[in-house]
N, C-alpha and C. Protein backbone atom coordinates (compact mmCIF):
# COMPACT_ATOMS: atom_id res chain seq x y z
N UNK A 1 20.11 11.68 -0.41
CA UNK A 1 20.89 12.89 -0.36
C UNK A 1 22.28 12.55 0.17
N UNK A 2 23.29 13.17 -0.33
CA UNK A 2 24.64 12.93 0.15
C UNK A 2 24.88 13.71 1.42
N UNK A 3 25.65 13.12 2.29
CA UNK A 3 25.96 13.80 3.54
C UNK A 3 27.25 14.57 3.39
N UNK A 4 27.28 15.71 4.01
CA UNK A 4 28.46 16.56 3.96
C UNK A 4 29.11 16.49 5.33
N UNK A 5 30.39 16.15 5.35
CA UNK A 5 31.06 16.03 6.64
C UNK A 5 31.26 17.41 7.26
N UNK A 6 31.51 17.42 8.54
CA UNK A 6 31.65 18.66 9.29
C UNK A 6 32.81 19.51 8.77
N UNK A 7 33.90 18.85 8.36
CA UNK A 7 35.05 19.60 7.86
C UNK A 7 34.74 20.26 6.53
N UNK A 8 33.91 19.63 5.69
CA UNK A 8 33.58 20.22 4.40
C UNK A 8 32.70 21.45 4.56
N UNK A 9 31.83 21.47 5.55
CA UNK A 9 30.92 22.60 5.72
C UNK A 9 31.67 23.84 6.21
N UNK A 10 32.78 23.65 6.87
CA UNK A 10 33.53 24.80 7.34
C UNK A 10 34.22 25.51 6.17
N UNK A 11 34.66 24.79 5.18
CA UNK A 11 35.37 25.39 4.06
C UNK A 11 34.44 25.81 2.93
N UNK A 12 33.22 25.27 2.90
CA UNK A 12 32.30 25.59 1.81
C UNK A 12 31.41 26.77 2.18
N UNK A 13 31.01 27.49 1.17
CA UNK A 13 30.07 28.59 1.37
C UNK A 13 28.65 28.02 1.47
N UNK A 14 27.74 28.73 2.12
CA UNK A 14 26.36 28.22 2.23
C UNK A 14 25.69 28.01 0.88
N UNK A 15 26.02 28.84 -0.11
CA UNK A 15 25.43 28.67 -1.43
C UNK A 15 25.84 27.35 -2.06
N UNK A 16 27.12 26.96 -1.83
CA UNK A 16 27.63 25.71 -2.39
C UNK A 16 26.94 24.51 -1.76
N UNK A 17 26.65 24.58 -0.46
CA UNK A 17 25.99 23.47 0.23
C UNK A 17 24.58 23.30 -0.32
N UNK A 18 23.84 24.40 -0.46
CA UNK A 18 22.48 24.31 -0.99
C UNK A 18 22.47 23.78 -2.42
N UNK A 19 23.45 24.23 -3.23
CA UNK A 19 23.53 23.77 -4.61
C UNK A 19 23.81 22.27 -4.66
N UNK A 20 24.69 21.79 -3.79
CA UNK A 20 25.03 20.38 -3.78
C UNK A 20 23.82 19.55 -3.34
N UNK A 21 23.06 19.99 -2.35
CA UNK A 21 21.88 19.26 -1.90
C UNK A 21 20.80 19.25 -2.97
N UNK A 22 20.60 20.36 -3.65
CA UNK A 22 19.59 20.45 -4.69
C UNK A 22 19.94 19.51 -5.85
N UNK A 23 21.18 19.49 -6.26
CA UNK A 23 21.60 18.63 -7.36
C UNK A 23 21.37 17.17 -6.99
N UNK A 24 21.71 16.81 -5.78
CA UNK A 24 21.54 15.43 -5.34
C UNK A 24 20.05 15.06 -5.31
N UNK A 25 19.21 15.97 -4.84
CA UNK A 25 17.78 15.71 -4.78
C UNK A 25 17.19 15.59 -6.18
N UNK A 26 17.62 16.43 -7.11
CA UNK A 26 17.14 16.35 -8.49
C UNK A 26 17.53 15.04 -9.14
N UNK A 27 18.74 14.57 -8.89
CA UNK A 27 19.17 13.31 -9.46
C UNK A 27 18.32 12.16 -8.93
N UNK A 28 17.96 12.20 -7.65
CA UNK A 28 17.13 11.17 -7.06
C UNK A 28 15.75 11.17 -7.70
N UNK A 29 15.16 12.35 -7.91
CA UNK A 29 13.83 12.43 -8.52
C UNK A 29 13.84 11.89 -9.94
N UNK A 30 14.86 12.22 -10.70
CA UNK A 30 14.95 11.73 -12.08
C UNK A 30 15.05 10.22 -12.09
N UNK A 31 15.83 9.66 -11.19
CA UNK A 31 15.99 8.21 -11.12
C UNK A 31 14.67 7.55 -10.76
N UNK A 32 13.94 8.11 -9.81
CA UNK A 32 12.66 7.52 -9.41
C UNK A 32 11.64 7.59 -10.53
N UNK A 33 11.59 8.68 -11.25
CA UNK A 33 10.62 8.81 -12.35
C UNK A 33 10.87 7.74 -13.41
N UNK A 34 12.10 7.45 -13.67
CA UNK A 34 12.40 6.47 -14.71
C UNK A 34 12.02 5.06 -14.28
N UNK A 35 12.10 4.75 -13.01
CA UNK A 35 11.80 3.40 -12.56
C UNK A 35 10.32 3.17 -12.34
N UNK A 36 9.49 4.22 -12.26
CA UNK A 36 8.08 4.05 -11.97
C UNK A 36 7.19 4.21 -13.20
N UNK A 37 7.75 4.24 -14.36
CA UNK A 37 6.94 4.37 -15.57
C UNK A 37 6.19 3.07 -15.84
N UNK A 38 4.96 3.21 -16.28
CA UNK A 38 4.17 2.04 -16.64
C UNK A 38 4.49 1.63 -18.07
N UNK A 39 4.33 0.37 -18.38
CA UNK A 39 4.57 -0.04 -19.77
C UNK A 39 3.56 0.63 -20.70
N UNK A 40 4.01 1.00 -21.87
CA UNK A 40 3.18 1.75 -22.80
C UNK A 40 2.16 0.87 -23.52
N UNK A 41 2.37 -0.43 -23.53
CA UNK A 41 1.48 -1.31 -24.28
C UNK A 41 0.31 -1.77 -23.40
N UNK A 42 -0.88 -1.30 -23.72
CA UNK A 42 -2.09 -1.76 -23.07
C UNK A 42 -3.06 -2.12 -24.20
N UNK A 43 -3.23 -3.40 -24.43
CA UNK A 43 -3.99 -3.86 -25.58
C UNK A 43 -5.47 -3.54 -25.46
N UNK A 44 -5.98 -3.42 -24.25
CA UNK A 44 -7.41 -3.20 -24.05
C UNK A 44 -7.76 -1.73 -23.84
N UNK A 45 -6.81 -0.84 -24.02
CA UNK A 45 -7.05 0.58 -23.76
C UNK A 45 -8.15 1.14 -24.67
N UNK A 46 -8.14 0.80 -25.92
CA UNK A 46 -9.17 1.30 -26.84
C UNK A 46 -10.56 0.83 -26.45
N UNK A 47 -10.68 -0.45 -26.12
CA UNK A 47 -11.96 -1.00 -25.69
C UNK A 47 -12.43 -0.36 -24.39
N UNK A 48 -11.49 -0.18 -23.46
CA UNK A 48 -11.85 0.46 -22.19
C UNK A 48 -12.31 1.90 -22.40
N UNK A 49 -11.67 2.62 -23.31
CA UNK A 49 -12.09 3.99 -23.60
C UNK A 49 -13.50 4.03 -24.19
N UNK A 50 -13.80 3.10 -25.09
CA UNK A 50 -15.14 3.04 -25.68
C UNK A 50 -16.17 2.73 -24.60
N UNK A 51 -15.86 1.78 -23.71
CA UNK A 51 -16.79 1.45 -22.63
C UNK A 51 -17.00 2.64 -21.69
N UNK A 52 -15.94 3.40 -21.43
CA UNK A 52 -16.09 4.59 -20.59
C UNK A 52 -16.94 5.66 -21.25
N UNK A 53 -16.80 5.83 -22.56
CA UNK A 53 -17.62 6.82 -23.28
C UNK A 53 -19.09 6.41 -23.23
N UNK A 54 -19.36 5.11 -23.44
CA UNK A 54 -20.74 4.64 -23.36
C UNK A 54 -21.30 4.86 -21.96
N UNK A 55 -20.49 4.56 -20.94
CA UNK A 55 -20.93 4.78 -19.56
C UNK A 55 -21.26 6.24 -19.30
N UNK A 56 -20.39 7.14 -19.73
CA UNK A 56 -20.63 8.57 -19.48
C UNK A 56 -21.90 9.05 -20.19
N UNK A 57 -22.08 8.60 -21.43
CA UNK A 57 -23.27 8.99 -22.17
C UNK A 57 -24.54 8.48 -21.47
N UNK A 58 -24.53 7.21 -21.07
CA UNK A 58 -25.70 6.65 -20.40
C UNK A 58 -25.94 7.29 -19.03
N UNK A 59 -24.87 7.65 -18.33
CA UNK A 59 -25.04 8.30 -17.03
C UNK A 59 -25.72 9.65 -17.18
N UNK A 60 -25.26 10.44 -18.14
CA UNK A 60 -25.87 11.76 -18.36
C UNK A 60 -27.30 11.62 -18.85
N UNK A 61 -27.51 10.71 -19.81
CA UNK A 61 -28.87 10.50 -20.33
C UNK A 61 -29.79 9.98 -19.23
N UNK A 62 -29.28 9.11 -18.37
CA UNK A 62 -30.10 8.58 -17.29
C UNK A 62 -30.49 9.64 -16.28
N UNK A 63 -29.56 10.51 -15.92
CA UNK A 63 -29.87 11.59 -14.97
C UNK A 63 -30.88 12.56 -15.57
N UNK A 64 -30.69 12.92 -16.82
CA UNK A 64 -31.63 13.84 -17.49
C UNK A 64 -33.01 13.21 -17.55
N UNK A 65 -33.05 11.93 -17.93
CA UNK A 65 -34.34 11.24 -18.00
C UNK A 65 -34.97 11.14 -16.61
N UNK A 66 -34.18 10.83 -15.61
CA UNK A 66 -34.68 10.69 -14.25
C UNK A 66 -35.27 12.00 -13.74
N UNK A 67 -34.59 13.11 -14.01
CA UNK A 67 -35.03 14.39 -13.47
C UNK A 67 -36.21 14.99 -14.23
N UNK A 68 -36.27 14.81 -15.55
CA UNK A 68 -37.27 15.54 -16.32
C UNK A 68 -38.36 14.68 -16.97
N UNK A 69 -38.11 13.40 -17.16
CA UNK A 69 -39.10 12.60 -17.90
C UNK A 69 -39.77 11.57 -16.99
N UNK A 70 -39.01 10.52 -16.61
CA UNK A 70 -39.60 9.45 -15.81
C UNK A 70 -38.54 8.85 -14.90
N UNK A 71 -38.93 8.67 -13.63
CA UNK A 71 -37.98 8.14 -12.65
C UNK A 71 -37.57 6.70 -12.97
N UNK A 72 -38.51 5.88 -13.33
CA UNK A 72 -38.24 4.46 -13.56
C UNK A 72 -37.34 4.26 -14.78
N UNK A 73 -37.65 4.89 -15.88
CA UNK A 73 -36.83 4.75 -17.09
C UNK A 73 -35.43 5.31 -16.84
N UNK A 74 -35.33 6.44 -16.14
CA UNK A 74 -34.03 7.02 -15.81
C UNK A 74 -33.19 6.07 -14.97
N UNK A 75 -33.83 5.40 -14.03
CA UNK A 75 -33.12 4.43 -13.20
C UNK A 75 -32.59 3.28 -14.03
N UNK A 76 -33.40 2.77 -14.96
CA UNK A 76 -32.95 1.67 -15.82
C UNK A 76 -31.78 2.09 -16.71
N UNK A 77 -31.81 3.29 -17.20
CA UNK A 77 -30.71 3.78 -18.05
C UNK A 77 -29.42 3.89 -17.22
N UNK A 78 -29.54 4.39 -16.00
CA UNK A 78 -28.36 4.52 -15.13
C UNK A 78 -27.80 3.13 -14.79
N UNK A 79 -28.67 2.17 -14.52
CA UNK A 79 -28.21 0.80 -14.22
C UNK A 79 -27.51 0.19 -15.43
N UNK A 80 -28.03 0.45 -16.63
CA UNK A 80 -27.37 -0.04 -17.85
C UNK A 80 -25.98 0.58 -17.99
N UNK A 81 -25.85 1.87 -17.68
CA UNK A 81 -24.54 2.52 -17.72
C UNK A 81 -23.59 1.93 -16.70
N UNK A 82 -24.11 1.58 -15.53
CA UNK A 82 -23.26 0.97 -14.50
C UNK A 82 -22.76 -0.41 -14.94
N UNK A 83 -23.57 -1.12 -15.72
CA UNK A 83 -23.13 -2.43 -16.23
C UNK A 83 -21.91 -2.26 -17.15
N UNK A 84 -21.95 -1.23 -18.02
CA UNK A 84 -20.79 -0.97 -18.87
C UNK A 84 -19.56 -0.60 -18.03
N UNK A 85 -19.77 0.17 -16.98
CA UNK A 85 -18.65 0.56 -16.13
C UNK A 85 -18.07 -0.65 -15.40
N UNK A 86 -18.91 -1.57 -14.98
CA UNK A 86 -18.42 -2.78 -14.31
C UNK A 86 -17.59 -3.64 -15.26
N UNK A 87 -18.02 -3.75 -16.50
CA UNK A 87 -17.24 -4.50 -17.49
C UNK A 87 -15.87 -3.84 -17.68
N UNK A 88 -15.87 -2.52 -17.80
CA UNK A 88 -14.60 -1.79 -17.97
C UNK A 88 -13.70 -2.00 -16.76
N UNK A 89 -14.28 -1.97 -15.59
CA UNK A 89 -13.50 -2.15 -14.36
C UNK A 89 -12.91 -3.56 -14.29
N UNK A 90 -13.68 -4.55 -14.68
CA UNK A 90 -13.18 -5.92 -14.69
C UNK A 90 -12.02 -6.07 -15.68
N UNK A 91 -12.14 -5.43 -16.85
CA UNK A 91 -11.04 -5.48 -17.82
C UNK A 91 -9.78 -4.84 -17.26
N UNK A 92 -9.96 -3.75 -16.51
CA UNK A 92 -8.81 -3.06 -15.92
C UNK A 92 -8.15 -3.95 -14.85
N UNK A 93 -8.96 -4.64 -14.06
CA UNK A 93 -8.41 -5.48 -12.99
C UNK A 93 -7.74 -6.75 -13.55
N UNK A 94 -8.28 -7.31 -14.60
CA UNK A 94 -7.74 -8.55 -15.16
C UNK A 94 -6.55 -8.34 -16.06
N UNK A 95 -6.24 -7.12 -16.37
CA UNK A 95 -5.11 -6.81 -17.25
C UNK A 95 -3.90 -7.35 -16.62
């Protein structure tokens, strides 16, 4: 934010001071947004999305199986889903 000297505040109206501070703050936010953008190219994004979809499907199927059919089979399905999630997580970390 820009500083306003004491002599400037005496001649300026309060509305002008607020407007000047707001403009300066908006310019800073715009500058920060532009510098923090991630690169758009992620080659493994499609594969990671597929792995996440498989994980979500297996997680839901595992919970349903665990609650209504069989505890052991439901546990195995959930563990299989976790394996897909671990692979996806490793791909995200190694990117």
